Protein backbone atom coordinates (compact mmCIF):
# COMPACT_ATOMS: atom_id res chain seq x y z
CA MET A 1 -7.39 7.06 -32.71
CA LEU A 2 -5.49 10.35 -32.67
CA ILE A 3 -5.27 12.71 -29.72
CA GLN A 4 -4.55 15.96 -31.45
CA ASN A 5 -2.67 19.09 -30.38
CA ALA A 6 -2.40 18.36 -26.64
CA THR A 7 0.32 19.24 -24.15
CA VAL A 8 1.87 15.87 -23.27
CA PHE A 9 3.71 15.09 -20.04
CA ASP A 10 4.90 11.59 -20.89
CA GLY A 11 6.31 10.48 -17.53
CA THR A 12 9.80 9.74 -18.85
CA GLY A 13 11.40 12.69 -17.08
CA ALA A 14 11.25 14.90 -20.18
CA PRO A 15 9.54 18.29 -19.96
CA ALA A 16 5.96 18.70 -21.11
CA ARG A 17 5.58 19.03 -24.88
CA PRO A 18 2.90 21.37 -26.26
CA ALA A 19 1.15 20.90 -29.62
CA THR A 20 1.74 17.14 -29.64
CA ASN A 21 -0.23 14.33 -31.26
CA ILE A 22 -0.60 10.77 -29.94
CA LEU A 23 -1.51 8.01 -32.36
CA ILE A 24 -3.13 4.91 -30.83
CA ARG A 25 -3.57 1.65 -32.68
CA ASP A 26 -4.72 -1.77 -31.38
CA GLY A 27 -4.64 -0.67 -27.77
CA ARG A 28 -1.08 0.63 -27.83
CA ILE A 29 0.61 3.94 -28.47
CA ALA A 30 1.89 3.86 -32.04
CA ALA A 31 3.57 7.27 -32.14
CA VAL A 32 4.00 10.50 -30.19
CA ALA A 33 5.21 13.50 -32.21
CA PRO A 34 4.73 17.21 -32.82
CA ALA A 35 1.29 17.84 -34.30
CA ALA A 36 2.71 19.10 -37.58
CA GLN A 37 4.65 15.84 -38.06
CA LEU A 38 1.90 13.34 -37.24
CA PRO A 39 -1.22 13.83 -39.34
CA ALA A 40 -4.40 11.87 -38.71
CA PRO A 41 -4.56 8.60 -40.65
CA ASP A 42 -7.62 8.10 -42.83
CA GLY A 43 -10.61 7.01 -40.78
CA ALA A 44 -9.01 7.74 -37.41
CA ASP A 45 -11.18 8.82 -34.50
CA ILE A 46 -10.04 12.24 -33.30
CA ILE A 47 -9.88 13.58 -29.76
CA ASP A 48 -9.26 17.32 -29.87
CA GLY A 49 -6.56 17.99 -27.30
CA THR A 50 -6.34 21.72 -27.85
CA GLY A 51 -5.92 23.32 -24.45
CA LYS A 52 -5.80 19.87 -22.81
CA PHE A 53 -3.05 18.02 -20.98
CA VAL A 54 -2.17 14.32 -21.27
CA ILE A 55 -0.40 12.25 -18.62
CA PRO A 56 0.04 8.48 -18.21
CA GLY A 57 -2.70 6.59 -16.39
CA LEU A 58 -2.08 6.54 -12.64
CA ILE A 59 -0.99 3.43 -10.72
CA ASP A 60 -2.04 2.73 -7.11
CA MET A 61 0.58 0.43 -5.63
CA HIS A 62 -1.32 -0.76 -2.54
CA VAL A 63 -5.00 -1.69 -2.63
CA HIS A 64 -7.29 -4.48 -1.45
CA VAL A 65 -9.94 -5.00 -4.12
CA GLU A 66 -12.01 -7.51 -2.17
CA LEU A 67 -12.21 -5.08 0.74
CA SER A 68 -13.12 -2.20 -1.59
CA GLY A 69 -16.40 -3.61 -2.79
CA GLY A 70 -14.85 -6.21 -5.09
CA GLU A 71 -16.06 -5.90 -8.65
CA GLU A 72 -18.34 -3.04 -7.58
CA GLY A 73 -15.34 -0.84 -6.83
CA LEU A 74 -13.45 -1.35 -10.09
CA PRO A 75 -15.21 1.32 -12.21
CA ILE A 76 -14.56 3.88 -9.45
CA TRP A 77 -10.78 3.47 -9.70
CA LEU A 78 -10.97 3.80 -13.48
CA GLY A 79 -13.28 6.80 -13.36
CA ALA A 80 -10.85 8.54 -11.00
CA GLY A 81 -7.97 8.02 -13.43
CA VAL A 82 -6.31 4.96 -11.91
CA THR A 83 -5.67 2.56 -14.79
CA THR A 84 -3.55 0.03 -12.87
CA ILE A 85 -3.71 -1.29 -9.31
CA ARG A 86 -1.49 -3.62 -7.31
CA ASP A 87 -3.61 -5.81 -5.04
CA VAL A 88 -1.48 -6.78 -2.04
CA GLY A 89 -3.75 -9.01 -0.01
CA GLY A 90 -6.59 -10.87 -1.66
CA SER A 91 -7.78 -14.43 -2.08
CA PRO A 92 -6.33 -16.09 -5.18
CA GLU A 93 -9.73 -17.63 -5.89
CA GLY A 94 -11.30 -14.21 -6.05
CA MET A 95 -8.56 -12.02 -7.45
CA LEU A 96 -6.93 -14.08 -10.18
CA PRO A 97 -10.13 -14.71 -12.18
CA LEU A 98 -11.07 -11.04 -11.81
CA ARG A 99 -7.62 -9.96 -12.98
CA ASP A 100 -7.88 -12.24 -16.01
CA ALA A 101 -11.43 -11.15 -16.88
CA ILE A 102 -10.34 -7.52 -16.98
CA ALA A 103 -7.27 -8.38 -19.06
CA ALA A 104 -9.52 -10.22 -21.53
CA GLY A 105 -11.85 -7.23 -21.79
CA ASN A 106 -14.78 -9.07 -20.21
CA LYS A 107 -15.04 -6.67 -17.26
CA VAL A 108 -14.42 -2.94 -16.94
CA GLY A 109 -11.82 -1.81 -14.45
CA PRO A 110 -8.17 -1.00 -13.95
CA ARG A 111 -5.47 -3.50 -14.83
CA ILE A 112 -4.79 -5.66 -11.77
CA TYR A 113 -1.51 -7.12 -10.60
CA SER A 114 -2.34 -9.61 -7.86
CA TYR A 115 0.20 -10.34 -5.12
CA GLY A 116 -1.89 -13.08 -3.55
CA PRO A 117 -2.95 -13.34 0.10
CA LEU A 118 -1.33 -11.85 3.19
CA LEU A 119 1.31 -14.39 4.23
CA ASP A 120 1.33 -14.18 8.01
CA GLY A 121 3.03 -15.96 10.90
CA VAL A 122 1.96 -17.50 14.21
CA PRO A 123 0.21 -16.01 16.05
CA PRO A 124 -1.34 -14.13 13.13
CA ILE A 125 -1.75 -10.39 13.42
CA PHE A 126 -5.50 -10.38 12.85
CA GLY A 127 -6.41 -13.73 14.37
CA ASN A 128 -10.14 -14.24 13.92
CA ARG A 129 -10.87 -10.67 12.89
CA PRO A 130 -12.32 -9.99 9.41
CA LEU A 131 -8.89 -10.21 7.75
CA GLY A 132 -8.09 -13.49 9.48
CA GLY A 133 -7.99 -16.89 7.91
CA GLY A 134 -6.04 -20.08 7.72
CA GLY A 135 -5.97 -21.50 4.24
CA PRO A 136 -6.76 -21.11 0.54
CA GLY A 137 -9.76 -18.92 -0.09
CA ASP A 138 -8.87 -16.52 2.71
CA LEU A 139 -7.27 -13.10 2.54
CA THR A 140 -4.66 -14.37 5.03
CA TRP A 141 -2.65 -17.58 4.84
CA ILE A 142 -1.09 -18.50 8.17
CA ILE A 143 2.41 -19.94 7.77
CA GLU A 144 3.71 -22.09 10.62
CA ASP A 145 7.17 -23.05 9.38
CA ALA A 146 9.61 -23.00 6.47
CA ALA A 147 8.12 -26.09 4.86
CA ARG A 148 4.70 -24.44 4.76
CA ALA A 149 6.32 -21.27 3.37
CA ARG A 150 7.92 -23.18 0.51
CA ALA A 151 4.67 -25.01 -0.23
CA ALA A 152 2.75 -21.71 -0.28
CA VAL A 153 5.23 -20.22 -2.75
CA ASP A 154 4.98 -23.21 -5.06
CA ASP A 155 1.19 -23.15 -4.88
CA LEU A 156 0.87 -19.43 -5.59
CA VAL A 157 3.46 -19.41 -8.38
CA ALA A 158 1.57 -22.25 -10.05
CA ARG A 159 -1.63 -20.22 -9.82
CA GLY A 160 0.08 -17.31 -11.55
CA VAL A 161 0.36 -14.56 -8.94
CA ASP A 162 2.22 -11.42 -10.01
CA GLY A 163 4.14 -11.07 -6.74
CA PHE A 164 4.09 -11.81 -3.01
CA LYS A 165 3.08 -9.86 0.11
CA LEU A 166 4.81 -10.88 3.37
CA TYR A 167 2.92 -9.84 6.48
CA ALA A 168 3.65 -8.42 9.90
CA GLY A 169 3.54 -11.68 11.87
CA LEU A 170 6.48 -13.29 10.03
CA ARG A 171 9.79 -13.52 11.84
CA PRO A 172 13.11 -13.26 9.96
CA ASP A 173 13.54 -17.02 9.46
CA LEU A 174 10.26 -17.26 7.55
CA VAL A 175 10.89 -14.05 5.62
CA LYS A 176 14.13 -15.68 4.47
CA ALA A 177 12.35 -18.94 3.60
CA PHE A 178 9.87 -17.09 1.41
CA ILE A 179 12.41 -14.91 -0.37
CA ASP A 180 14.75 -17.83 -1.00
CA ARG A 181 11.96 -19.96 -2.46
CA ILE A 182 10.62 -17.16 -4.64
CA GLY A 183 14.12 -16.74 -5.99
CA GLY A 184 13.52 -13.44 -7.74
CA ARG A 185 10.91 -14.86 -10.11
CA VAL A 186 8.40 -12.17 -9.12
CA PRO A 187 8.63 -9.12 -6.83
CA VAL A 188 8.25 -9.45 -3.05
CA THR A 189 6.88 -6.71 -0.84
CA GLY A 190 6.18 -6.63 2.87
CA HIS A 191 4.16 -5.03 5.63
CA LEU A 192 6.47 -6.02 8.47
CA SER A 193 6.65 -5.81 12.25
CA ARG A 194 8.26 -8.91 13.81
CA THR A 195 10.94 -8.58 11.15
CA TRP A 196 12.64 -5.20 10.92
CA ALA A 197 12.76 -3.52 7.54
CA SER A 198 16.56 -3.50 7.56
CA GLU A 199 16.57 -7.26 8.18
CA ALA A 200 14.18 -7.86 5.27
CA ILE A 201 16.30 -5.67 2.99
CA GLU A 202 19.38 -7.73 3.78
CA LEU A 203 17.36 -10.87 3.05
CA GLY A 204 16.47 -9.60 -0.43
CA ILE A 205 12.99 -8.08 -0.26
CA ASN A 206 12.11 -5.74 -3.16
CA CYS A 207 9.63 -3.32 -1.62
CA LEU A 208 8.36 -2.16 1.79
CA GLU A 209 4.79 -1.10 2.59
CA HIS A 210 3.63 1.62 5.02
CA VAL A 211 6.16 4.28 5.98
CA HIS A 212 4.47 4.70 9.36
CA ALA A 213 4.74 1.04 10.41
CA THR A 214 7.16 -1.18 8.49
CA ILE A 215 10.23 1.05 8.82
CA TYR A 216 9.31 2.30 12.31
CA GLN A 217 11.91 0.19 14.12
CA ASP A 218 14.74 1.48 11.94
CA VAL A 219 13.85 5.17 11.97
CA VAL A 220 12.38 6.24 15.33
CA PRO A 221 14.66 6.76 18.36
CA PRO A 222 15.52 3.50 20.16
CA GLU A 223 13.57 4.45 23.27
CA TYR A 224 10.33 4.51 21.25
CA ARG A 225 10.80 1.12 19.57
CA HIS A 226 8.85 -1.96 20.62
CA PRO A 227 9.98 -5.51 21.43
CA ARG A 228 9.93 -7.84 18.44
CA GLU A 229 6.81 -9.70 19.59
CA GLU A 230 4.82 -6.65 20.67
CA GLY A 231 4.37 -4.66 17.49
CA ASN A 232 1.56 -4.50 14.95
CA GLY A 233 -1.61 -6.00 16.41
CA PHE A 234 -0.17 -6.63 19.87
CA ILE A 235 0.32 -3.16 21.33
CA PRO A 236 -2.80 -1.54 22.78
CA ASN A 237 -3.56 1.73 20.97
CA TYR A 238 -0.96 0.90 18.32
CA TRP A 239 -1.65 4.03 16.28
CA THR A 240 -1.02 6.29 19.25
CA TRP A 241 2.28 4.44 19.74
CA LEU A 242 3.29 5.00 16.11
CA ASN A 243 2.38 8.69 16.22
CA THR A 244 4.45 9.25 19.35
CA GLY A 245 7.49 7.53 17.88
CA TRP A 246 7.30 9.36 14.56
CA ALA A 247 6.55 12.72 16.19
CA ASN A 248 9.82 12.34 18.12
CA ALA A 249 11.89 11.04 15.21
CA ASP A 250 15.35 12.54 14.74
CA LEU A 251 15.79 12.38 10.98
CA GLY A 252 19.34 13.67 11.31
CA ALA A 253 20.43 10.65 13.34
CA ASP A 254 23.18 8.42 11.96
CA TYR A 255 20.94 5.34 12.08
CA VAL A 256 18.37 7.08 9.85
CA ARG A 257 21.00 7.94 7.26
CA GLN A 258 22.38 4.39 7.42
CA PHE A 259 18.92 2.97 6.84
CA ILE A 260 18.33 5.24 3.84
CA ASP A 261 21.73 4.26 2.43
CA LEU A 262 20.79 0.59 2.81
CA LEU A 263 17.39 1.13 1.18
CA VAL A 264 18.94 2.93 -1.78
CA SER A 265 21.98 0.68 -2.24
CA LYS A 266 19.80 -2.45 -2.33
CA GLU A 267 17.32 -0.75 -4.71
CA VAL A 268 14.37 -1.45 -2.43
CA ALA A 269 11.26 0.61 -3.18
CA LEU A 270 9.06 2.21 -0.54
CA SER A 271 5.28 2.12 -0.95
CA PRO A 272 4.40 4.50 1.90
CA THR A 273 0.56 4.63 1.91
CA THR A 274 1.09 8.08 3.43
CA VAL A 275 -2.55 9.03 2.91
CA LEU A 276 -3.65 6.13 5.15
CA VAL A 277 -2.86 7.98 8.38
CA THR A 278 -4.99 10.96 7.32
CA GLY A 279 -8.10 8.82 7.76
CA GLY A 280 -8.22 9.37 11.52
CA MET A 281 -5.01 7.82 12.82
CA SER A 282 -2.72 10.88 12.62
CA THR A 283 -5.01 13.50 11.07
CA ARG A 284 -8.59 13.56 9.78
CA ASP A 285 -7.90 15.25 6.45
CA ALA A 286 -9.23 12.30 4.42
CA LEU A 287 -12.71 13.08 5.71
CA GLU A 288 -12.64 16.22 3.57
CA GLU A 289 -12.30 14.18 0.35
CA PRO A 290 -15.20 15.12 -1.97
CA GLY A 291 -14.87 11.80 -3.79
CA ILE A 292 -15.87 9.92 -0.63
CA LYS A 293 -19.45 10.05 -1.94
CA TYR A 294 -18.35 7.47 -4.51
CA THR A 295 -17.43 4.88 -1.87
CA PRO A 296 -18.78 1.53 -3.13
CA LYS A 297 -21.84 0.41 -1.17
CA ALA A 298 -20.32 -2.95 -0.25
CA MET A 299 -17.23 -1.20 1.06
CA ALA A 300 -19.28 1.13 3.25
CA ALA A 301 -21.34 -1.80 4.55
CA ARG A 302 -18.20 -3.74 5.49
CA ARG A 303 -16.89 -0.79 7.49
CA THR A 304 -20.15 -0.65 9.43
CA GLN A 305 -19.95 -4.39 10.10
CA GLN A 306 -16.35 -4.04 11.29
CA ALA A 307 -17.30 -1.29 13.75
CA GLN A 308 -20.18 -3.39 15.08
CA ALA A 309 -17.96 -6.46 15.42
CA MET A 310 -15.32 -4.45 17.29
CA GLN A 311 -17.92 -3.09 19.68
CA LYS A 312 -19.31 -6.58 20.32
CA MET A 313 -15.81 -7.92 20.96
CA ARG A 314 -15.23 -5.25 23.61
CA GLU A 315 -18.63 -5.93 25.21
CA ASP A 316 -18.00 -9.70 25.28
CA ALA A 317 -14.57 -9.16 26.88
CA GLU A 318 -16.13 -6.93 29.52
CA LYS A 319 -18.78 -9.55 30.36
CA ALA A 320 -16.09 -12.24 30.59
CA GLY A 321 -14.15 -10.21 33.14
CA ARG A 322 -11.23 -9.43 30.85
CA PRO A 323 -11.93 -5.90 29.64
CA LEU A 324 -9.82 -4.64 26.77
CA PRO A 325 -7.64 -1.55 27.28
CA PRO A 326 -9.58 1.66 26.67
CA ILE A 327 -9.29 3.18 23.22
CA VAL A 328 -7.18 6.31 23.48
CA PRO A 329 -8.11 8.77 20.72
CA PRO A 330 -5.16 10.14 18.74
CA ASP A 331 -3.61 13.43 19.69
CA TYR A 332 -3.97 15.09 16.30
CA THR A 333 -1.33 17.71 17.08
CA GLU A 334 1.16 14.92 17.70
CA GLY A 335 -0.23 13.06 14.69
CA ARG A 336 0.45 16.06 12.47
CA ARG A 337 4.07 16.15 13.65
CA ALA A 338 4.33 12.44 12.92
CA LEU A 339 2.96 12.92 9.40
CA ASP A 340 5.31 15.85 8.77
CA ASN A 341 8.29 13.68 9.73
CA GLN A 342 7.08 10.88 7.47
CA LEU A 343 6.81 13.30 4.55
CA ALA A 344 10.28 14.66 5.28
CA PHE A 345 11.62 11.11 5.36
CA LEU A 346 10.13 10.37 1.91
CA ARG A 347 11.83 13.44 0.52
CA MET A 348 15.13 12.32 2.04
CA VAL A 349 14.81 8.90 0.36
CA LEU A 350 14.11 10.47 -3.02
CA ASP A 351 16.93 13.00 -2.65
CA ALA A 352 19.28 10.07 -1.92
CA GLY A 353 18.27 8.36 -5.17
CA GLY A 354 15.69 5.96 -3.77
CA ARG A 355 12.34 4.94 -5.18
CA VAL A 356 9.03 5.87 -3.54
CA VAL A 357 5.74 4.91 -5.19
CA PRO A 358 2.38 6.49 -4.21
CA SER A 359 -0.10 4.10 -2.63
CA THR A 360 -3.25 4.18 -0.48
CA ASP A 361 -4.16 0.88 1.25
CA CYS A 362 -7.68 1.44 -0.07
CA GLY A 363 -10.00 -1.21 1.34
CA ALA A 364 -8.06 -1.90 4.53
CA ALA A 365 -7.55 1.70 5.63
CA PRO A 366 -10.38 3.81 7.05
CA ASN A 367 -11.88 6.68 5.05
CA GLN A 368 -10.04 5.86 1.83
CA VAL A 369 -11.96 5.62 -1.45
CA PRO A 370 -10.92 3.99 -4.73
CA GLY A 371 -8.98 6.33 -6.98
CA PHE A 372 -9.64 9.58 -5.18
CA SER A 373 -7.34 8.69 -2.31
CA LEU A 374 -4.44 8.35 -4.75
CA HIS A 375 -4.96 11.98 -5.78
CA ARG A 376 -4.74 12.88 -2.08
CA GLU A 377 -1.53 10.86 -1.85
CA LEU A 378 -0.05 12.86 -4.74
CA GLY A 379 -1.00 16.03 -2.90
CA LEU A 380 0.90 14.83 0.18
CA PHE A 381 3.96 14.11 -1.95
CA VAL A 382 3.88 17.67 -3.25
CA GLU A 383 3.40 18.91 0.32
CA ALA A 384 6.64 17.07 1.12
CA GLY A 385 8.44 19.31 -1.38
CA ILE A 386 8.41 16.86 -4.28
CA PRO A 387 7.82 18.71 -7.59
CA ASN A 388 4.49 18.04 -9.30
CA GLY A 389 6.05 16.39 -12.31
CA ARG A 390 8.19 14.13 -10.16
CA ALA A 391 5.15 13.08 -8.12
CA ILE A 392 3.34 12.11 -11.32
CA GLU A 393 6.38 10.16 -12.53
CA LEU A 394 6.46 8.24 -9.24
CA ALA A 395 2.80 7.25 -9.72
CA THR A 396 3.37 6.18 -13.34
CA ARG A 397 6.82 5.28 -14.69
CA VAL A 398 8.50 4.49 -11.37
CA ALA A 399 5.52 2.45 -10.19
CA ALA A 400 5.68 0.48 -13.44
CA GLU A 401 9.37 -0.18 -12.82
CA VAL A 402 8.66 -1.51 -9.32
CA LEU A 403 6.01 -3.78 -10.86
CA ARG A 404 8.62 -4.85 -13.47
CA LYS A 405 6.14 -3.78 -16.15
CA GLN A 406 7.94 -0.70 -17.46
CA ASP A 407 7.91 -2.10 -21.01
CA GLU A 408 4.11 -2.25 -20.90
CA ILE A 409 2.81 0.73 -18.92
CA GLY A 410 3.81 3.90 -17.11
CA THR A 411 4.75 6.32 -19.90
CA VAL A 412 3.15 7.94 -22.94
CA THR A 413 5.66 6.51 -25.39
CA ALA A 414 5.50 4.40 -28.52
CA GLY A 415 4.96 0.72 -27.83
CA ARG A 416 3.39 1.12 -24.41
CA ARG A 417 -0.22 0.29 -23.70
CA ALA A 418 -2.47 3.26 -24.31
CA ASP A 419 -3.23 4.04 -20.67
CA LEU A 420 -3.54 7.78 -20.28
CA LEU A 421 -5.59 10.65 -18.92
CA VAL A 422 -6.78 13.70 -20.84
CA LEU A 423 -6.98 16.56 -18.35
CA ALA A 424 -8.69 19.94 -18.60
CA ALA A 425 -6.01 21.76 -16.55
CA ASP A 426 -2.26 21.61 -16.09
CA PRO A 427 -1.13 19.26 -13.27
CA LEU A 428 2.35 20.78 -13.33
CA VAL A 429 0.85 24.06 -12.14
CA ASP A 430 -1.44 22.48 -9.49
CA ILE A 431 -1.27 18.78 -8.58
CA ALA A 432 -5.01 18.86 -7.86
CA ASN A 433 -5.49 19.20 -11.62
CA THR A 434 -4.85 15.46 -11.96
CA ARG A 435 -8.54 15.30 -10.98
CA THR A 436 -9.73 17.35 -14.00
CA ILE A 437 -10.17 14.23 -16.10
CA GLU A 438 -12.12 14.50 -19.34
CA THR A 439 -11.15 11.12 -20.79
CA VAL A 440 -9.69 8.03 -19.15
CA MET A 441 -8.07 5.66 -21.60
CA LYS A 442 -7.02 2.10 -20.82
CA ASP A 443 -5.67 -0.21 -23.50
CA GLY A 444 -6.82 2.33 -26.08
CA VAL A 445 -10.44 2.35 -24.95
CA GLY A 446 -11.64 5.78 -23.90
CA TYR A 447 -14.15 6.36 -21.09
CA ALA A 448 -15.94 9.44 -19.83
CA PRO A 449 -15.28 9.40 -16.08
CA GLN A 450 -18.69 10.36 -14.72
CA PRO A 451 -20.68 7.32 -15.92
CA LEU A 452 -18.05 5.08 -14.29
CA LEU A 453 -18.25 7.00 -11.02
CA ASP A 454 -22.02 7.02 -11.06
CA THR A 455 -22.08 3.23 -10.74
CA ALA A 456 -21.22 3.73 -7.05
CA VAL A 457 -24.39 5.69 -6.39
CA ALA A 458 -26.74 3.99 -8.82
């Protein structure tokens, strides 16, 4: 196949190249060259790229497939231009066969890198809530001690996971046990609370999830921090707490600069899921997403069930004479200040030479939708003052580097897998133009987006 005469933004850091041809053979990019220097081979299928723009396929670095409708949600990601996803909290029994079926071409969807279940401590953050569990087959594995941590690593490595996700209930001793046992064989990321981000960095973690939560203890003023045992899942109205701390953050403080220096010097990536808080926690902007109509039916049904279960839990507690604290709705003015400080922090990390990779928490976060929420995340990055081209590079080449798959995906260069988007309008002029997808290509197979998206409403 030859994509002919397109403007190519290849994700390498080079400027866009007009009048460029891309030759694709056996699922990989064979050559990228000026149109006059790369004629169409005999019998090649031709995609006319005149007036079109080509970028690498997008990568969402934080999703939960099983909470996003499972197999039902996969075509939606692909139709929205996301050709690779990192699943950071799924059952090995469900995710690994699905990952392998897609890799073999037996199912249609984005390439999956599976980081196994949430590895949580005691007491677990979610307890008996829908994300809770206690053993293989669950989204959460509860780890009581270092011996169990080592056994879990050995089990999951043998199953073939692509990485590990450490969860908020782990204390530093178990974070260390996990990282030591993994021994650098695969990447390790973390959504942390009982362990501070700075502690996990010193222990050797590779990536941190959720700018609003995981790094909270290192960035907000000391008077807004919480005791080690009273963070995620154990503070009433936790989101209000986070908003207040972030809204009052002093990003010029010495401890903020020291944390950024530590993050950068240890080459730890930040997967911020910035868009997550726009789903009602800090702002309600995500409710304006036009792609929300493509929410998989199973995903929408699970959200309804969650709301009903939460209401029943509150009613049961009331009847038992132990009423739960009232739900305090967010102050969206304060939430906006919190989000602005988070965006400013991301820009500071990038300006210092750090790595930040766009991500959404689709499946676990309210009002997020496969694929479309990543476009919203890119818009937030640009709102933070990050140039359009740099934002695209973070969601392609840099994400591939954090996955340790930069030799396979992330750029439109010879030898890489042919994952790319053909766009009708220039994303360097307006980041929203990443949505103007005419062709999604994954492993050299081209798809029209609309039939994929229509599977959500069929």
